[in-house]
Structure formats: C-alpha cells, structure tokens
Amino acid sequence: MARGGQGLARVAVVVRAGAAPLWWFGACAAGIGVLPSGLTGRRIGVLAGAALFLVGAAAVTLVRRGRYGALARGAARAGKYDVLQDRAVTVRNWRRGHRWWLLSAFAAALGSSFAVPVAGGMLLAGLGTGLRLKAAWLGRRERAEQTLLWVRVDWLDRRGGSPAGKAVKGLRGTGIAAGDAAPGGARRRTAALV
C-alpha cells in the first residue's frame, strides 16, 4: 500500500463468509441428529429445530441493521491508493479465523441431538441462512445507492469478522463495478466473451 492507502475488505463478503459453513455444518448435524431419538423424541426435536431455525435466521438478519445503515450513510469515497482485497482472501481469512468456533458449534449441535434431536443442527443452519439474508439486504442497499461498501482490514477483529464492530469508525465506498464480488458479496458473474 503506497502513499497512505488502506487495505479494504467488502462488508457484504465478510458478512456472507460464514453463511455456507454454518448452513452445511447445520444441515449435516441435523441429518445425523435425526438418528437418535433423544430425551424429547424426534417429533418434538424436529418442531423445536424448525422454531430455532426461524428464530436464528431472523435474529441474525435483523441484528445491528441500524449500525450498518449508519455506517453506510457516512461512507467516504475510497482513495486512489486504497487496496481492494479479493473476495477469496476475505472469505479465507474469516473461515480460518473462525474454524475452531465452527467445529465446536458442529460438535455441540451433534451432542445436543442426544437430548433434542435435530434442534442444534437446525439452529446452526438458521444462523447461516440469516447471514446470507443479511448479505442480500446489504447487496440491495449497494445496488440502490450504486456504491459498494468496504471496511478497513485493520479494523476487523483478529478473526477477520465484525465489519460493523466497535473498532469500525467508518466505511469506504467505490463504484458498483469495483472488486471481484457482486453486490451482496457473491462471486461476480462475468459475461461470456463473444
């Protein structure tokens, strides 16, 4: 980084980075968790799991929306020397930083199946779905304002997450075509060459 430039990571990519592993770990834990009948029985476990899925997805989707909105409204234009981090690097940093947390959550979801079958896995899957929905909400906002939102890498927590945490003092904005991720943090689909 030259002349005072900063490393910037896409906010939506950081939010979305945990969606797939949480959903897949949750789906696997729920699938395996249906085997034991548990203390409550499978029927109650599945019903509790469905409720936890909905509650988890809604909570993750709605939490800190006001903070994201305030940061987005005050976003400054990214500078000429700012370095935009690739989507793959941002996702890899988040997943490496959270790998032990993810494995512990998976183990806890599996273990909880002996008490309440399926419920722990469905909760994990709901958290992953909530992250995907929050990233989609950010993507709609980015499209509407024609501005991609970026956060300084050194303001993220030590595990590469918390793009709206206390350490984040503001966001940067770029044009909608900047970087290698589409609005919402998904991989950018390139048009086929003719």
Protein backbone atom coordinates (compact mmCIF):
# COMPACT_ATOMS: atom_id res chain seq x y z
CA MET A 1 0.00 0.00 0.00
CA ALA A 2 1.55 3.24 -1.10
CA ARG A 3 1.05 6.84 -0.03
CA GLY A 4 -1.29 6.21 2.88
CA GLY A 5 -3.57 3.72 1.15
CA GLN A 6 -5.51 1.19 3.23
CA GLY A 7 -6.36 -2.46 2.69
CA LEU A 8 -10.14 -2.69 2.28
CA ALA A 9 -12.44 -5.73 2.52
CA ARG A 10 -16.02 -5.84 1.24
CA VAL A 11 -18.54 -5.61 4.07
CA ALA A 12 -21.03 -7.96 2.38
CA VAL A 13 -18.30 -10.55 1.73
CA VAL A 14 -17.28 -10.55 5.42
CA VAL A 15 -20.95 -10.96 6.43
CA ARG A 16 -21.55 -13.72 3.89
CA ALA A 17 -18.30 -15.63 4.60
CA GLY A 18 -19.82 -17.66 7.43
CA ALA A 19 -23.14 -18.43 5.74
CA ALA A 20 -22.11 -21.53 3.78
CA PRO A 21 -20.10 -23.30 6.50
CA LEU A 22 -22.77 -22.65 9.13
CA TRP A 23 -25.54 -23.88 6.83
CA TRP A 24 -23.65 -27.03 5.77
CA PHE A 25 -22.47 -27.88 9.29
CA GLY A 26 -26.04 -27.33 10.49
CA ALA A 27 -27.56 -29.48 7.74
CA CYS A 28 -25.07 -32.30 8.46
CA ALA A 29 -25.65 -32.08 12.21
CA ALA A 30 -29.42 -32.10 11.70
CA GLY A 31 -29.20 -35.07 9.32
CA ILE A 32 -27.09 -37.08 11.74
CA GLY A 33 -29.09 -35.79 14.71
CA VAL A 34 -32.30 -37.35 13.45
CA LEU A 35 -30.90 -40.83 14.16
CA PRO A 36 -31.03 -40.82 17.99
CA SER A 37 -34.50 -40.47 19.48
CA GLY A 38 -33.11 -38.27 22.26
CA LEU A 39 -34.84 -37.38 25.52
CA THR A 40 -37.68 -35.50 23.84
CA GLY A 41 -38.31 -37.76 20.85
CA ARG A 42 -37.79 -36.97 17.17
CA ARG A 43 -41.11 -35.19 16.60
CA ILE A 44 -40.54 -32.63 19.33
CA GLY A 45 -36.90 -32.29 18.27
CA VAL A 46 -37.85 -31.51 14.68
CA LEU A 47 -40.50 -28.99 15.76
CA ALA A 48 -38.06 -27.33 18.17
CA GLY A 49 -35.43 -27.33 15.41
CA ALA A 50 -37.80 -25.63 12.97
CA ALA A 51 -38.58 -22.95 15.55
CA LEU A 52 -34.88 -22.45 16.33
CA PHE A 53 -34.11 -22.22 12.61
CA LEU A 54 -36.63 -19.40 12.15
CA VAL A 55 -35.60 -17.56 15.32
CA GLY A 56 -31.89 -17.86 14.50
CA ALA A 57 -32.32 -16.70 10.90
CA ALA A 58 -34.49 -13.73 11.92
CA ALA A 59 -32.18 -12.67 14.76
CA VAL A 60 -29.01 -12.77 12.65
CA THR A 61 -30.74 -10.98 9.76
CA LEU A 62 -32.02 -8.13 11.92
CA VAL A 63 -29.23 -7.63 14.48
CA ARG A 64 -27.12 -4.46 14.02
CA ARG A 65 -29.02 -3.26 10.94
CA GLY A 66 -29.10 0.24 12.37
CA ARG A 67 -25.31 0.22 12.80
CA TYR A 68 -24.79 -1.00 9.23
CA GLY A 69 -27.17 1.69 7.97
CA ALA A 70 -25.43 4.47 9.90
CA LEU A 71 -22.01 3.35 8.67
CA ALA A 72 -23.28 3.12 5.08
CA ARG A 73 -24.77 6.63 5.20
CA GLY A 74 -21.43 8.06 6.34
CA ALA A 75 -19.27 6.08 3.88
CA ALA A 76 -16.39 8.11 2.42
CA ARG A 77 -15.11 7.62 -1.09
CA ALA A 78 -12.23 5.12 -1.30
CA GLY A 79 -8.88 6.74 -2.11
CA LYS A 80 -6.75 6.26 -5.17
CA TYR A 81 -4.15 4.24 -3.26
CA ASP A 82 -6.54 2.04 -1.27
CA VAL A 83 -6.04 -1.67 -2.00
CA LEU A 84 -9.23 -3.69 -2.53
CA GLN A 85 -8.94 -7.17 -1.03
CA ASP A 86 -10.04 -10.08 -3.22
CA ARG A 87 -13.23 -11.89 -2.25
CA ALA A 88 -11.38 -15.20 -1.86
CA VAL A 89 -8.86 -13.67 0.57
CA THR A 90 -11.62 -12.14 2.71
CA VAL A 91 -13.56 -15.42 2.84
CA ARG A 92 -10.41 -17.44 3.61
CA ASN A 93 -9.41 -15.06 6.44
CA TRP A 94 -12.87 -15.28 8.02
CA ARG A 95 -13.05 -19.07 7.76
CA ARG A 96 -9.53 -19.58 9.11
CA GLY A 97 -10.22 -17.22 11.98
CA HIS A 98 -13.46 -18.98 12.90
CA ARG A 99 -12.55 -22.64 12.13
CA TRP A 100 -12.36 -23.75 15.78
CA TRP A 101 -15.57 -21.93 16.62
CA LEU A 102 -17.30 -23.64 13.66
CA LEU A 103 -16.03 -27.09 14.66
CA SER A 104 -17.06 -26.52 18.29
CA ALA A 105 -20.53 -25.41 17.20
CA PHE A 106 -20.85 -28.50 14.99
CA ALA A 107 -19.79 -30.77 17.86
CA ALA A 108 -22.24 -29.05 20.22
CA ALA A 109 -25.06 -29.42 17.67
CA LEU A 110 -24.29 -33.13 17.32
CA GLY A 111 -24.08 -33.60 21.07
CA SER A 112 -27.38 -31.83 21.64
CA SER A 113 -29.10 -34.40 19.40
CA PHE A 114 -28.97 -36.90 22.25
CA ALA A 115 -31.23 -34.56 24.22
CA VAL A 116 -33.26 -32.81 21.49
CA PRO A 117 -32.77 -34.45 18.07
CA VAL A 118 -32.15 -32.17 15.07
CA ALA A 119 -32.58 -28.89 17.01
CA GLY A 120 -28.91 -27.89 17.31
CA GLY A 121 -28.22 -28.53 13.65
CA MET A 122 -31.29 -26.58 12.59
CA LEU A 123 -30.17 -23.64 14.74
CA LEU A 124 -26.76 -23.61 13.02
CA ALA A 125 -28.43 -23.79 9.61
CA GLY A 126 -30.68 -20.89 10.63
CA LEU A 127 -27.68 -18.77 11.61
CA GLY A 128 -26.11 -19.44 8.21
CA THR A 129 -29.36 -18.54 6.46
CA GLY A 130 -29.54 -15.32 8.48
CA LEU A 131 -26.05 -14.32 7.36
CA ARG A 132 -27.00 -14.98 3.74
CA LEU A 133 -30.15 -12.86 4.13
CA LYS A 134 -28.19 -10.02 5.77
CA ALA A 135 -25.66 -10.07 2.91
CA ALA A 136 -28.55 -9.96 0.42
CA TRP A 137 -30.00 -6.94 2.28
CA LEU A 138 -26.62 -5.21 2.04
CA GLY A 139 -26.50 -6.08 -1.65
CA ARG A 140 -29.90 -4.49 -2.28
CA ARG A 141 -28.70 -1.37 -0.49
CA GLU A 142 -25.49 -1.31 -2.55
CA ARG A 143 -27.46 -1.65 -5.81
CA ALA A 144 -29.91 1.07 -4.81
CA GLU A 145 -27.12 3.50 -3.93
CA GLN A 146 -24.78 2.30 -6.71
CA THR A 147 -21.99 2.11 -4.12
CA LEU A 148 -20.10 -0.94 -2.87
CA LEU A 149 -19.27 -0.77 0.85
CA TRP A 150 -15.76 -1.57 2.12
CA VAL A 151 -14.22 -1.72 5.59
CA ARG A 152 -10.57 -1.29 6.54
CA VAL A 153 -8.97 -4.70 7.11
CA ASP A 154 -7.14 -3.48 10.21
CA TRP A 155 -10.49 -2.55 11.79
CA LEU A 156 -11.84 -6.10 11.53
CA ASP A 157 -11.42 -8.28 14.62
CA ARG A 158 -8.47 -10.67 14.92
CA ARG A 159 -10.52 -13.44 13.28
CA GLY A 160 -11.41 -11.34 10.23
CA GLY A 161 -15.01 -10.62 11.22
CA SER A 162 -17.18 -7.88 12.80
CA PRO A 163 -17.47 -5.44 9.86
CA ALA A 164 -19.75 -3.24 11.98
CA GLY A 165 -17.94 -3.72 15.31
CA LYS A 166 -16.85 -1.03 17.75
CA ALA A 167 -13.42 -0.71 16.11
CA VAL A 168 -15.02 0.27 12.77
CA LYS A 169 -15.16 4.05 12.62
CA GLY A 170 -16.47 4.33 9.08
CA LEU A 171 -16.81 2.62 5.73
CA ARG A 172 -15.43 3.43 2.30
CA GLY A 173 -17.40 3.37 -0.91
CA THR A 174 -16.48 2.56 -4.50
CA GLY A 175 -18.32 2.31 -7.78
CA ILE A 176 -20.54 -0.71 -8.34
CA ALA A 177 -18.01 -2.38 -10.69
CA ALA A 178 -15.04 -2.31 -8.29
CA GLY A 179 -13.56 -5.54 -6.96
CA ASP A 180 -14.32 -9.14 -7.82
CA ALA A 181 -17.56 -9.56 -5.83
CA ALA A 182 -21.06 -8.54 -6.88
CA PRO A 183 -23.36 -6.51 -4.60
CA GLY A 184 -24.25 -8.76 -1.67
CA GLY A 185 -20.86 -10.46 -1.63
CA ALA A 186 -21.46 -13.26 -4.16
CA ARG A 187 -18.91 -14.07 -6.85
CA ARG A 188 -19.19 -11.63 -9.72
CA ARG A 189 -20.51 -13.33 -12.83
CA THR A 190 -18.54 -12.22 -15.85
CA ALA A 191 -20.20 -12.03 -19.22
CA ALA A 192 -19.07 -14.69 -21.68
CA LEU A 193 -16.69 -13.43 -24.35
CA VAL A 194 -18.16 -13.39 -27.84
